[in-house]
Amino acid sequence: MGLLDDLQPASPRIRPTSLSAEGTELVIDWSDGRRDRLPMLLVRARCPCASCVDEWSGKRLLNVTTLQPDVAARRLTEVGRYAVQVGWSDGHDTGIYSWELLRALGDEHARRQKG
């Protein structure tokens, strides 16, 4: 019996059960039954990598007006048990999107859809 044996997460982590690129959307089915259909352009615009966001200030460096409106995910690679790395049609492939970030993008997209 070790010190860490009694530690439990505060709440179960919500994780994707499936993740796919379908047309102009990144489709995510979550372990709690929710499904998000995120526009590829939104996901690409929110890339969290050091080329797109200044590591020290958090300032967004990517000028989203330079993105092609039809940008698409070409490759989805799971990173550990916490994220996915996306290879984009514009050649960008250094962004690692945590499940928490994708969930937050789903929340944001749902709010925008409501009005």
Protein backbone atom coordinates (compact mmCIF):
# COMPACT_ATOMS: atom_id res chain seq x y z
CA MET A 1 0.00 0.00 0.00
CA GLY A 2 1.58 3.24 -1.14
CA LEU A 3 0.94 6.87 -0.39
CA LEU A 4 -0.81 7.46 -3.72
CA ASP A 5 -3.13 4.43 -3.51
CA ASP A 6 -5.85 6.39 -1.72
CA LEU A 7 -5.79 9.38 -4.07
CA GLN A 8 -8.69 9.54 -6.50
CA PRO A 9 -9.48 12.17 -9.11
CA ALA A 10 -12.01 14.76 -7.93
CA SER A 11 -14.33 13.76 -10.77
CA PRO A 12 -14.10 11.31 -13.63
CA ARG A 13 -12.37 12.77 -16.65
CA ILE A 14 -14.54 13.27 -19.68
CA ARG A 15 -12.74 11.86 -22.69
CA PRO A 16 -13.57 11.42 -26.34
CA THR A 17 -14.90 8.00 -27.28
CA SER A 18 -14.46 8.84 -30.96
CA LEU A 19 -12.85 11.62 -32.95
CA SER A 20 -13.09 12.03 -36.71
CA ALA A 21 -12.72 14.56 -39.50
CA GLU A 22 -15.98 14.72 -41.47
CA GLY A 23 -16.05 17.26 -44.27
CA THR A 24 -15.64 20.71 -42.76
CA GLU A 25 -16.10 19.51 -39.16
CA LEU A 26 -14.17 17.79 -36.44
CA VAL A 27 -16.69 15.42 -34.85
CA ILE A 28 -16.13 14.41 -31.23
CA ASP A 29 -18.24 11.96 -29.27
CA TRP A 30 -17.61 12.34 -25.53
CA SER A 31 -17.79 9.77 -22.76
CA ASP A 32 -20.74 11.64 -21.20
CA GLY A 33 -22.83 11.20 -24.36
CA ARG A 34 -22.32 14.68 -25.79
CA ARG A 35 -21.41 15.12 -29.46
CA ASP A 36 -19.58 18.19 -30.74
CA ARG A 37 -19.34 19.10 -34.41
CA LEU A 38 -16.62 21.76 -34.50
CA PRO A 39 -15.88 23.75 -37.65
CA MET A 40 -12.35 22.95 -38.81
CA LEU A 41 -11.61 26.64 -39.23
CA LEU A 42 -12.46 27.29 -35.57
CA VAL A 43 -10.21 24.47 -34.37
CA ARG A 44 -7.32 25.52 -36.64
CA ALA A 45 -7.71 29.17 -35.55
CA ARG A 46 -7.39 28.13 -31.89
CA CYS A 47 -4.19 26.14 -32.32
CA PRO A 48 -2.34 26.31 -29.00
CA CYS A 49 1.21 25.75 -30.33
CA ALA A 50 4.11 28.15 -29.78
CA SER A 51 3.97 29.28 -33.41
CA CYS A 52 0.35 30.37 -32.99
CA VAL A 53 0.42 31.65 -29.39
CA ASP A 54 3.25 33.45 -27.61
CA GLU A 55 4.40 31.13 -24.84
CA TRP A 56 5.09 33.92 -22.37
CA SER A 57 2.29 36.40 -22.90
CA GLY A 58 -0.42 34.11 -24.27
CA LYS A 59 -0.93 36.59 -27.12
CA ARG A 60 -2.31 34.99 -30.26
CA LEU A 61 0.30 35.22 -33.03
CA LEU A 62 -1.70 33.54 -35.77
CA ASN A 63 -3.55 35.98 -38.01
CA VAL A 64 -6.75 34.03 -38.59
CA THR A 65 -7.58 36.07 -41.69
CA THR A 66 -4.68 34.31 -43.44
CA LEU A 67 -6.28 30.87 -42.97
CA GLN A 68 -8.03 29.25 -45.91
CA PRO A 69 -11.75 28.89 -45.15
CA ASP A 70 -11.61 25.27 -46.34
CA VAL A 71 -8.71 24.26 -44.08
CA ALA A 72 -9.11 20.60 -43.11
CA ALA A 73 -7.62 18.07 -40.74
CA ARG A 74 -5.59 15.54 -42.70
CA ARG A 75 -4.21 13.57 -39.75
CA LEU A 76 -5.39 13.01 -36.17
CA THR A 77 -2.85 11.44 -33.82
CA GLU A 78 -3.69 10.76 -30.19
CA VAL A 79 -1.06 12.10 -27.79
CA GLY A 80 -0.94 10.04 -24.62
CA ARG A 81 -4.34 9.93 -22.96
CA TYR A 82 -4.86 13.68 -22.88
CA ALA A 83 -4.77 15.22 -26.35
CA VAL A 84 -4.72 14.95 -30.14
CA GLN A 85 -2.20 16.36 -32.59
CA VAL A 86 -3.74 17.58 -35.83
CA GLY A 87 -2.00 17.67 -39.19
CA TRP A 88 -3.72 20.40 -41.21
CA SER A 89 -4.15 20.80 -44.97
CA ASP A 90 -2.17 24.07 -44.77
CA GLY A 91 0.90 22.11 -43.63
CA HIS A 92 0.69 23.12 -39.97
CA ASP A 93 1.08 20.17 -37.60
CA THR A 94 2.62 21.28 -34.31
CA GLY A 95 -0.57 21.98 -32.36
CA ILE A 96 -1.50 19.58 -29.59
CA TYR A 97 -5.15 20.02 -28.60
CA SER A 98 -5.94 18.79 -25.09
CA TRP A 99 -9.31 17.20 -24.45
CA GLU A 100 -10.07 20.13 -22.15
CA LEU A 101 -9.37 22.63 -24.94
CA LEU A 102 -11.57 20.74 -27.41
CA ARG A 103 -14.36 20.52 -24.84
CA ALA A 104 -14.11 24.28 -24.25
CA LEU A 105 -14.24 24.88 -28.02
CA GLY A 106 -17.41 22.77 -28.10
CA ASP A 107 -18.93 24.91 -25.34
CA GLU A 108 -17.96 28.09 -27.20
CA HIS A 109 -19.34 26.83 -30.50
CA ALA A 110 -22.65 25.84 -28.85
CA ARG A 111 -22.98 29.33 -27.31
CA ARG A 112 -22.38 30.95 -30.72
CA GLN A 113 -24.99 28.72 -32.33
CA LYS A 114 -27.60 29.82 -29.77
CA GLY A 115 -27.19 33.42 -30.63
